[in-house]
Amino acid sequence: MTSHSCRFCSAKLEHTVVDLGMSPLCESFLSEAETDSVEAFYPLRVQVCHACFLVQLPAYVQRESIFTEYAYFSSYSAAWLEHARAYVSMICEREVLSRDSFVIELASNDGYLLKNFVERGVPCLGIEPAANVAKVARDRGVPTENAFFDVAKAQQLKAAGQSADLIVANNVLAHVPDLNAFVAGIATLLKPQGTVTAEFPHLQRLFDGNQFDTIYHEHFSYFSLLTIEAVFAKHGLTVFDVEELWSHGGSLRIYARHKADGSRSVTGMLRALRDREISLGFDRIETYARFDEQVRATKRQLLALLSEAKSAGKRIVGYGAPGKSATLLNYCGIRTDFLDFTVDKNPYKHGRYCPGTHIPILHPEALDAARPDYILILPWNVKDEIMTQLAHARAWGARFIIPIPVATVV
C-alpha cells in the first residue's frame, strides 16, 4: 500500500478512517457511447493525520481533470438558493457592506450567491475554475473570472487593486488539493480589517450521520473545527466565530480575520464547539478508527431493504444524481438490477448515465410516467424539499427510501 503525506503538515499518513474500495469520479456522467468504453476507477481510501488530525483523501486525480468542465450547478436547489440569499442579507448587515466594498467568492459556481450582491449594488467578483459554469454566471451578469485560486492568483488580484473586504469560500476548502497555497491566498487577498467566511461539511456530523457518500475524489479534505483553526492559524488568520448549519448534512460556517486585527474577539460559541470536539475525541487518533464498521453496517442494511423490495416484485427508481450518489451506488453495488433509472432537474445530466453503475438519468417527468413503488432519494440532505415536490406520488402508493444515516422507508 502506497504511503502518502499529510497535505497540511506533511507528516506520514499511517491511519485509515474508511476504505470505500474503487470508484469513478463522481461528476463524470457518461454519454450512451461512453458506457461501452473503459472507465477509470480510483481508490477511495480516507486517512487521518496523527499529527494534525486532518482527515483526507490522497489526490489520486489532478484538479484540472475534475473541475475544468463540471456538472454541478448550484441553482437547481431552491433550498440552497434561499440559503445563499439569507447569507447575503445577513453578511451585508453584519459587515456593513456597501457600494464602496468589494466581495470575492472563491469557487463561485454559476453565480447563485454573488447575484444577490449584484442586486444590492455591492461590487463583487467570482473566481470559478469550471469554464462551462463560469460562463453561466457571466451570462447572468455576475462578474466572474475563470481560474483556479491559489496564492499566485491572489497576488495577481492584489496587484490589480482587487483586495477584498469580504472573501466567501463556501464548500470549496474540501475541494483544494494544495490547502496551504489556497489559505495563504486568502490571507494575501484579504484587506487588513477584512473578513473571511467559509462553509464546509462538519466532520462530526459526517461521523454521527454515517455520511460516507459525501466522500469522493473531488473532496480532498474533511474538517473538524480543531483542524481548520490550525490551518488558518498557520497562515496568520484567526477563526473568531462559528455557526452550525443544516446544509450538506450538517456544516460549519466559520468567520476569520487577520491575526493582527484585534477588533473582534473569539466568541463563546466558537470556544464551546472547540470544547465539544475535544470531549468527543477529535484530538485522539482512536476516535477515527470506529467509522469503518459503521459504514459497512449502513451498506448491509440498505442492500437488505432494496433486496427485500425487489424480491417482492416492487419497482424502485432514484431521485437525483448528485455527486454523492456515485459513492453510495458504487460502494453498495447498486446498479440497474435495483434502480431502473434516476431523475434529475439538471438538464445537463439528462440522457447521460451515472458513473460506474451506468444507471440512466432522465427528466423528472419520467418518474410520474413510471409510477414506481419506491423512490430512493439520493440527495438525502434535501429530502424534505424533494418529498414536498413529490407529494403527489403518494397518490399511487409510492414510498420514499432515505439511505443515510440508516436506510429508512417513509
Protein backbone atom coordinates (compact mmCIF):
# COMPACT_ATOMS: atom_id res chain seq x y z
CA MET A 1 0.00 0.00 0.00
CA THR A 2 1.47 3.35 -1.07
CA SER A 3 2.22 5.77 1.75
CA HIS A 4 1.19 9.42 1.47
CA SER A 5 2.00 12.60 3.36
CA CYS A 6 -0.45 14.97 5.04
CA ARG A 7 -1.42 17.82 2.69
CA PHE A 8 -1.31 20.28 5.59
CA CYS A 9 1.58 19.35 7.90
CA SER A 10 3.46 16.79 5.70
CA ALA A 11 3.50 14.05 8.36
CA LYS A 12 3.37 10.49 7.01
CA LEU A 13 -0.20 9.16 6.84
CA GLU A 14 -0.49 5.85 8.70
CA HIS A 15 -4.15 5.56 9.79
CA THR A 16 -7.17 4.67 7.63
CA VAL A 17 -10.58 6.11 8.53
CA VAL A 18 -12.63 4.21 5.92
CA ASP A 19 -11.91 2.27 2.74
CA LEU A 20 -14.69 2.55 0.15
CA GLY A 21 -12.91 0.50 -2.49
CA MET A 22 -12.60 1.76 -6.07
CA SER A 23 -14.87 4.43 -7.53
CA PRO A 24 -15.08 6.67 -10.62
CA LEU A 25 -15.03 10.46 -10.48
CA CYS A 26 -18.42 11.43 -9.13
CA GLU A 27 -19.27 14.10 -11.71
CA SER A 28 -18.08 12.11 -14.75
CA PHE A 29 -21.53 11.43 -16.18
CA LEU A 30 -21.39 9.28 -19.30
CA SER A 31 -22.95 9.56 -22.72
CA GLU A 32 -24.54 6.40 -24.12
CA ALA A 33 -21.48 5.78 -26.32
CA GLU A 34 -19.15 6.10 -23.33
CA THR A 35 -20.95 3.32 -21.44
CA ASP A 36 -19.32 0.88 -23.88
CA SER A 37 -15.78 2.13 -23.17
CA VAL A 38 -13.19 1.64 -20.44
CA GLU A 39 -13.99 3.73 -17.38
CA ALA A 40 -11.40 4.97 -14.89
CA PHE A 41 -11.79 3.97 -11.24
CA TYR A 42 -9.60 5.28 -8.40
CA PRO A 43 -9.05 4.26 -4.77
CA LEU A 44 -11.39 5.85 -2.26
CA ARG A 45 -9.43 5.27 0.95
CA VAL A 46 -9.66 8.05 3.53
CA GLN A 47 -6.84 8.58 6.02
CA VAL A 48 -6.26 10.77 9.06
CA CYS A 49 -3.04 12.50 10.09
CA HIS A 50 -1.86 11.54 13.59
CA ALA A 51 -0.13 14.93 13.97
CA CYS A 52 -2.82 17.47 12.94
CA PHE A 53 -5.92 15.20 12.63
CA LEU A 54 -6.75 16.35 9.12
CA VAL A 55 -8.96 13.69 7.52
CA GLN A 56 -8.03 13.45 3.87
CA LEU A 57 -8.07 11.59 0.61
CA PRO A 58 -4.82 11.48 -1.37
CA ALA A 59 -5.01 13.44 -4.63
CA TYR A 60 -5.27 10.49 -7.00
CA VAL A 61 -6.54 12.80 -9.74
CA GLN A 62 -5.30 16.25 -10.81
CA ARG A 63 -7.72 19.10 -10.06
CA GLU A 64 -7.82 20.05 -13.76
CA SER A 65 -9.26 16.60 -14.57
CA ILE A 66 -12.14 17.21 -12.16
CA PHE A 67 -13.06 20.88 -12.23
CA THR A 68 -12.27 22.25 -15.71
CA GLU A 69 -15.65 21.02 -17.03
CA TYR A 70 -18.13 20.44 -14.21
CA ALA A 71 -21.67 19.07 -13.99
CA TYR A 72 -22.68 20.66 -10.67
CA PHE A 73 -24.79 23.81 -10.86
CA SER A 74 -25.88 25.32 -7.54
CA SER A 75 -29.03 26.96 -8.88
CA TYR A 76 -31.08 23.73 -9.13
CA SER A 77 -31.89 23.57 -5.40
CA ALA A 78 -34.47 26.01 -4.10
CA ALA A 79 -33.31 25.44 -0.52
CA TRP A 80 -29.72 26.24 -1.45
CA LEU A 81 -30.73 29.41 -3.29
CA GLU A 82 -32.63 30.57 -0.21
CA HIS A 83 -29.62 29.71 1.96
CA ALA A 84 -27.46 31.96 -0.25
CA ARG A 85 -29.98 34.81 -0.23
CA ALA A 86 -30.27 34.72 3.55
CA TYR A 87 -26.48 34.67 3.93
CA VAL A 88 -26.02 37.76 1.73
CA SER A 89 -28.71 39.65 3.63
CA MET A 90 -27.09 38.75 6.95
CA ILE A 91 -23.48 39.43 5.95
CA CYS A 92 -24.24 42.79 4.31
CA GLU A 93 -25.74 43.97 7.59
CA ARG A 94 -23.10 42.37 9.81
CA GLU A 95 -20.15 43.72 7.79
CA VAL A 96 -21.88 46.97 6.71
CA LEU A 97 -21.15 46.26 3.05
CA SER A 98 -21.92 48.99 0.51
CA ARG A 99 -21.02 50.27 -2.95
CA ASP A 100 -17.60 51.12 -1.51
CA SER A 101 -16.93 47.48 -0.51
CA PHE A 102 -15.52 44.63 -2.56
CA VAL A 103 -16.54 40.97 -2.23
CA ILE A 104 -14.75 38.00 -3.76
CA GLU A 105 -16.22 34.50 -3.82
CA LEU A 106 -13.91 31.54 -4.39
CA ALA A 107 -15.45 28.70 -6.42
CA SER A 108 -18.45 30.89 -7.20
CA ASN A 109 -20.16 28.29 -9.40
CA ASP A 110 -22.98 29.69 -11.56
CA GLY A 111 -23.29 32.99 -9.67
CA TYR A 112 -26.11 31.73 -7.45
CA LEU A 113 -24.75 33.64 -4.41
CA LEU A 114 -23.00 36.65 -5.93
CA LYS A 115 -26.10 37.63 -7.89
CA ASN A 116 -27.53 38.76 -4.55
CA PHE A 117 -24.61 41.18 -4.09
CA VAL A 118 -25.05 42.40 -7.68
CA GLU A 119 -28.71 43.15 -6.97
CA ARG A 120 -27.69 45.16 -3.89
CA GLY A 121 -25.09 47.15 -5.84
CA VAL A 122 -22.16 45.72 -3.87
CA PRO A 123 -19.13 45.28 -6.18
CA CYS A 124 -18.06 41.65 -6.41
CA LEU A 125 -16.03 39.11 -8.35
CA GLY A 126 -16.34 35.35 -8.65
CA ILE A 127 -13.35 33.05 -9.16
CA GLU A 128 -14.60 29.81 -10.76
CA PRO A 129 -12.35 27.07 -12.24
CA ALA A 130 -15.01 25.36 -14.41
CA ALA A 131 -15.27 27.17 -17.74
CA ASN A 132 -18.81 25.97 -18.52
CA VAL A 133 -20.11 27.05 -15.11
CA ALA A 134 -18.29 30.40 -15.14
CA LYS A 135 -19.92 31.23 -18.47
CA VAL A 136 -23.38 30.71 -16.99
CA ALA A 137 -22.51 33.16 -14.19
CA ARG A 138 -21.24 35.81 -16.61
CA ASP A 139 -24.36 35.40 -18.75
CA ARG A 140 -26.36 36.25 -15.62
CA GLY A 141 -24.43 39.48 -15.14
CA VAL A 142 -22.18 38.22 -12.35
CA PRO A 143 -18.52 39.30 -12.86
CA THR A 144 -16.63 36.00 -12.94
CA GLU A 145 -13.05 35.05 -13.74
CA ASN A 146 -12.37 31.51 -14.97
CA ALA A 147 -9.35 30.43 -12.89
CA PHE A 148 -8.10 28.22 -10.09
CA PHE A 149 -7.39 30.14 -6.89
CA ASP A 150 -4.11 29.92 -5.01
CA VAL A 151 -1.52 32.30 -3.55
CA ALA A 152 -0.18 33.23 -7.01
CA LYS A 153 -3.66 34.17 -8.21
CA ALA A 154 -4.23 36.15 -5.01
CA GLN A 155 -1.01 38.13 -5.58
CA GLN A 156 -2.13 38.90 -9.13
CA LEU A 157 -5.53 40.17 -7.94
CA LYS A 158 -3.97 42.22 -5.13
CA ALA A 159 -1.53 43.82 -7.56
CA ALA A 160 -4.54 44.82 -9.69
CA GLY A 161 -6.10 46.58 -6.68
CA GLN A 162 -8.69 43.89 -6.01
CA SER A 163 -8.14 43.17 -2.32
CA ALA A 164 -11.37 42.14 -0.59
CA ASP A 165 -13.39 43.38 2.36
CA LEU A 166 -15.15 40.00 2.36
CA ILE A 167 -13.95 36.69 0.96
CA VAL A 168 -16.58 33.96 0.66
CA ALA A 169 -15.43 30.33 0.41
CA ASN A 170 -18.49 28.09 0.50
CA ASN A 171 -17.94 24.36 0.04
CA VAL A 172 -14.57 24.83 -1.64
CA LEU A 173 -11.96 24.09 1.07
CA ALA A 174 -12.67 20.36 0.77
CA HIS A 175 -12.01 20.56 -2.98
CA VAL A 176 -8.50 22.02 -2.66
CA PRO A 177 -5.53 19.64 -3.05
CA ASP A 178 -2.94 22.30 -2.05
CA LEU A 179 -4.59 23.52 1.12
CA ASN A 180 -1.69 25.72 2.21
CA ALA A 181 -1.46 27.59 -1.11
CA PHE A 182 -5.21 28.22 -1.02
CA VAL A 183 -5.40 29.56 2.53
CA ALA A 184 -2.22 31.59 2.03
CA GLY A 185 -4.00 33.13 -0.97
CA ILE A 186 -6.94 34.10 1.22
CA ALA A 187 -4.58 35.80 3.70
CA THR A 188 -2.86 37.63 0.83
CA LEU A 189 -6.08 38.93 -0.73
CA LEU A 190 -7.92 39.94 2.46
CA LYS A 191 -7.80 43.60 3.48
CA PRO A 192 -6.30 44.30 6.96
CA GLN A 193 -9.77 44.62 8.57
CA GLY A 194 -11.48 42.22 6.18
CA THR A 195 -13.50 39.10 6.97
CA VAL A 196 -13.43 35.58 5.56
CA THR A 197 -16.43 33.29 5.81
CA ALA A 198 -16.12 29.65 4.82
CA GLU A 199 -18.67 26.85 4.87
CA PHE A 200 -17.80 23.16 4.81
CA PRO A 201 -19.36 19.87 5.94
CA HIS A 202 -18.59 19.28 9.61
CA LEU A 203 -16.58 16.14 10.32
CA GLN A 204 -18.54 15.45 13.50
CA ARG A 205 -21.80 15.36 11.53
CA LEU A 206 -20.21 13.14 8.87
CA PHE A 207 -19.27 10.62 11.59
CA ASP A 208 -22.52 10.90 13.57
CA GLY A 209 -24.67 10.51 10.45
CA ASN A 210 -22.67 7.79 8.65
CA GLN A 211 -22.40 10.24 5.75
CA PHE A 212 -19.86 8.16 3.85
CA ASP A 213 -21.37 9.16 0.50
CA THR A 214 -20.02 12.69 0.98
CA ILE A 215 -16.59 11.12 0.49
CA TYR A 216 -15.46 11.23 -3.13
CA HIS A 217 -12.39 12.18 -5.15
CA GLU A 218 -13.50 15.80 -5.55
CA HIS A 219 -13.34 16.14 -1.74
CA PHE A 220 -9.70 16.03 -0.73
CA SER A 221 -10.18 17.04 2.94
CA TYR A 222 -12.78 16.69 5.73
CA PHE A 223 -12.60 19.22 8.54
CA SER A 224 -13.19 19.47 12.25
CA LEU A 225 -13.13 22.93 13.80
CA LEU A 226 -9.89 21.97 15.57
CA THR A 227 -8.12 21.26 12.30
CA ILE A 228 -9.47 24.24 10.36
CA GLU A 229 -8.33 26.56 13.17
CA ALA A 230 -4.82 25.12 12.85
CA VAL A 231 -4.80 25.51 9.06
CA PHE A 232 -5.89 29.15 9.19
CA ALA A 233 -3.55 29.98 12.08
CA LYS A 234 -0.54 28.75 10.09
CA HIS A 235 -1.28 31.48 7.56
CA GLY A 236 -1.86 34.31 10.02
CA LEU A 237 -5.65 34.05 10.17
CA THR A 238 -7.73 33.69 13.35
CA VAL A 239 -11.09 31.92 13.33
CA PHE A 240 -13.16 34.02 15.72
CA ASP A 241 -16.75 32.85 15.27
CA VAL A 242 -18.70 29.83 14.04
CA GLU A 243 -22.25 28.79 13.19
CA GLU A 244 -23.66 25.29 12.78
CA LEU A 245 -25.75 24.96 9.62
CA TRP A 246 -28.23 22.44 8.18
CA SER A 247 -26.64 22.32 4.75
CA HIS A 248 -24.96 19.24 3.25
CA GLY A 249 -25.98 17.06 6.16
CA GLY A 250 -24.56 19.47 8.74
CA SER A 251 -21.96 22.15 8.03
CA LEU A 252 -19.95 24.82 9.80
CA ARG A 253 -19.71 28.44 8.77
CA ILE A 254 -16.56 29.97 10.19
CA TYR A 255 -15.62 33.64 10.36
CA ALA A 256 -11.94 34.55 10.23
CA ARG A 257 -9.77 37.68 10.30
CA HIS A 258 -6.11 38.55 10.21
CA LYS A 259 -4.40 37.69 13.50
CA ALA A 260 -3.17 41.29 13.72
CA ASP A 261 -6.76 42.60 13.58
CA GLY A 262 -7.75 42.77 17.23
CA SER A 263 -11.14 44.36 16.63
CA ARG A 264 -13.11 41.12 17.02
CA SER A 265 -12.71 38.67 19.91
CA VAL A 266 -13.17 34.91 19.75
CA THR A 267 -16.81 34.16 20.58
CA GLY A 268 -18.20 31.90 23.26
CA MET A 269 -19.91 29.85 20.55
CA LEU A 270 -16.57 29.02 18.97
CA ARG A 271 -14.98 28.10 22.30
CA ALA A 272 -17.95 25.86 23.11
CA LEU A 273 -17.70 23.96 19.83
CA ARG A 274 -13.94 23.56 20.25
CA ASP A 275 -14.52 22.10 23.72
CA ARG A 276 -17.20 19.76 22.36
CA GLU A 277 -14.87 18.37 19.69
CA ILE A 278 -12.19 17.75 22.29
CA SER A 279 -14.69 15.98 24.56
CA LEU A 280 -15.74 13.79 21.61
CA GLY A 281 -12.12 12.83 20.96
CA PHE A 282 -11.37 14.59 17.68
CA ASP A 283 -7.88 15.22 19.03
CA ARG A 284 -7.29 11.47 19.62
CA ILE A 285 -6.47 9.01 16.85
CA GLU A 286 -8.61 6.18 18.25
CA THR A 287 -11.78 8.22 17.60
CA TYR A 288 -11.25 7.84 13.87
CA ALA A 289 -10.98 4.05 13.92
CA ARG A 290 -14.67 3.36 14.57
CA PHE A 291 -16.14 4.85 11.39
CA ASP A 292 -15.30 2.00 9.01
CA GLU A 293 -17.59 -0.56 10.68
CA GLN A 294 -20.43 2.00 10.93
CA VAL A 295 -20.24 2.42 7.17
CA ARG A 296 -20.23 -1.32 6.48
CA ALA A 297 -23.32 -1.77 8.66
CA THR A 298 -25.15 1.01 6.80
CA LYS A 299 -24.33 -0.64 3.45
CA ARG A 300 -25.66 -4.02 4.59
CA GLN A 301 -28.89 -2.50 5.88
CA LEU A 302 -29.59 -0.56 2.67
CA LEU A 303 -28.92 -3.57 0.45
CA ALA A 304 -31.17 -5.76 2.61
CA LEU A 305 -34.03 -3.25 2.24
CA LEU A 306 -33.61 -2.96 -1.54
CA SER A 307 -33.27 -6.73 -1.96
CA GLU A 308 -36.45 -7.38 0.00
CA ALA A 309 -38.37 -4.86 -2.12
CA LYS A 310 -37.13 -6.32 -5.41
CA SER A 311 -37.84 -9.87 -4.27
CA ALA A 312 -41.42 -8.75 -3.61
CA GLY A 313 -41.68 -7.55 -7.23
CA LYS A 314 -41.56 -3.85 -6.40
CA ARG A 315 -40.23 -1.19 -8.78
CA ILE A 316 -37.58 1.22 -7.47
CA VAL A 317 -36.31 4.38 -9.15
CA GLY A 318 -33.96 7.07 -7.90
CA TYR A 319 -34.45 10.77 -7.44
CA GLY A 320 -31.41 12.95 -8.13
CA ALA A 321 -27.92 12.32 -9.42
CA PRO A 322 -25.74 14.36 -7.05
CA GLY A 323 -22.03 13.77 -6.71
CA LYS A 324 -22.55 11.82 -3.50
CA SER A 325 -24.68 9.26 -5.35
CA ALA A 326 -21.61 7.93 -7.18
CA THR A 327 -20.04 6.87 -3.88
CA LEU A 328 -23.25 5.40 -2.48
CA LEU A 329 -24.17 3.47 -5.63
CA ASN A 330 -20.69 2.16 -6.42
CA TYR A 331 -19.72 1.23 -2.85
CA CYS A 332 -23.02 -0.55 -2.29
CA GLY A 333 -23.08 -2.15 -5.75
CA ILE A 334 -26.46 -0.66 -6.65
CA ARG A 335 -26.99 -0.76 -10.42
CA THR A 336 -29.95 -1.25 -12.75
CA ASP A 337 -30.65 -4.55 -11.01
CA PHE A 338 -32.03 -2.38 -8.20
CA LEU A 339 -32.78 1.01 -9.79
CA ASP A 340 -34.47 1.18 -13.21
CA PHE A 341 -33.28 4.79 -13.58
CA THR A 342 -32.91 8.02 -11.65
CA VAL A 343 -34.22 11.50 -12.47
CA ASP A 344 -32.64 14.92 -12.03
CA LYS A 345 -33.74 18.52 -12.54
CA ASN A 346 -30.41 19.48 -14.13
CA PRO A 347 -30.80 19.25 -17.95
CA TYR A 348 -27.01 18.81 -18.29
CA LYS A 349 -27.45 15.27 -16.94
CA HIS A 350 -30.49 14.19 -18.98
CA GLY A 351 -29.70 11.33 -21.33
CA ARG A 352 -26.47 10.58 -19.51
CA TYR A 353 -25.57 7.71 -17.18
CA CYS A 354 -24.32 7.57 -13.62
CA PRO A 355 -20.56 6.96 -13.41
CA GLY A 356 -19.62 3.36 -12.68
CA THR A 357 -23.14 2.00 -12.30
CA HIS A 358 -24.49 3.23 -15.67
CA ILE A 359 -27.93 3.97 -14.25
CA PRO A 360 -29.81 6.17 -16.79
CA ILE A 361 -30.56 9.76 -15.76
CA LEU A 362 -33.90 11.04 -17.06
CA HIS A 363 -36.10 14.13 -16.84
CA PRO A 364 -38.23 14.24 -13.63
CA GLU A 365 -41.41 13.65 -15.64
CA ALA A 366 -40.19 10.07 -16.27
CA LEU A 367 -40.86 9.35 -12.60
CA ASP A 368 -44.55 10.23 -12.96
CA ALA A 369 -44.83 8.04 -16.05
CA ALA A 370 -43.19 5.06 -14.30
CA ARG A 371 -45.19 5.37 -11.03
CA PRO A 372 -42.66 3.33 -9.03
CA ASP A 373 -43.38 1.67 -5.71
CA TYR A 374 -40.28 3.16 -4.08
CA ILE A 375 -38.26 6.33 -4.73
CA LEU A 376 -34.67 6.26 -3.45
CA ILE A 377 -33.73 9.86 -2.58
CA LEU A 378 -30.04 10.18 -3.40
CA PRO A 379 -29.59 13.84 -2.35
CA TRP A 380 -30.86 12.94 1.13
CA ASN A 381 -29.58 16.24 2.54
CA VAL A 382 -32.56 17.99 0.86
CA LYS A 383 -35.02 15.13 1.39
CA ASP A 384 -37.72 17.36 2.88
CA GLU A 385 -37.69 19.63 -0.18
CA ILE A 386 -37.84 16.61 -2.50
CA MET A 387 -40.63 14.81 -0.63
CA THR A 388 -42.67 18.02 -0.74
CA GLN A 389 -42.11 18.27 -4.51
CA LEU A 390 -43.15 14.63 -4.92
CA ALA A 391 -46.11 14.64 -2.52
CA HIS A 392 -48.37 13.66 -5.44
CA ALA A 393 -46.51 10.32 -5.72
CA ARG A 394 -48.21 9.16 -2.54
CA ALA A 395 -51.46 9.06 -4.53
CA TRP A 396 -50.27 5.96 -6.39
CA GLY A 397 -48.80 4.48 -3.20
CA ALA A 398 -45.13 5.39 -3.66
CA ARG A 399 -42.90 5.37 -0.62
CA PHE A 400 -39.56 7.10 -0.13
CA ILE A 401 -36.29 5.43 0.83
CA ILE A 402 -33.79 7.63 2.69
CA PRO A 403 -30.38 5.86 2.60
CA ILE A 404 -28.44 7.93 5.17
CA PRO A 405 -27.78 7.73 8.15
CA VAL A 406 -29.58 4.37 8.12
CA ALA A 407 -31.87 3.09 5.39
CA THR A 408 -35.40 4.24 6.24
CA VAL A 409 -38.74 3.94 4.42
CA VAL A 410 -41.03 6.97 4.65
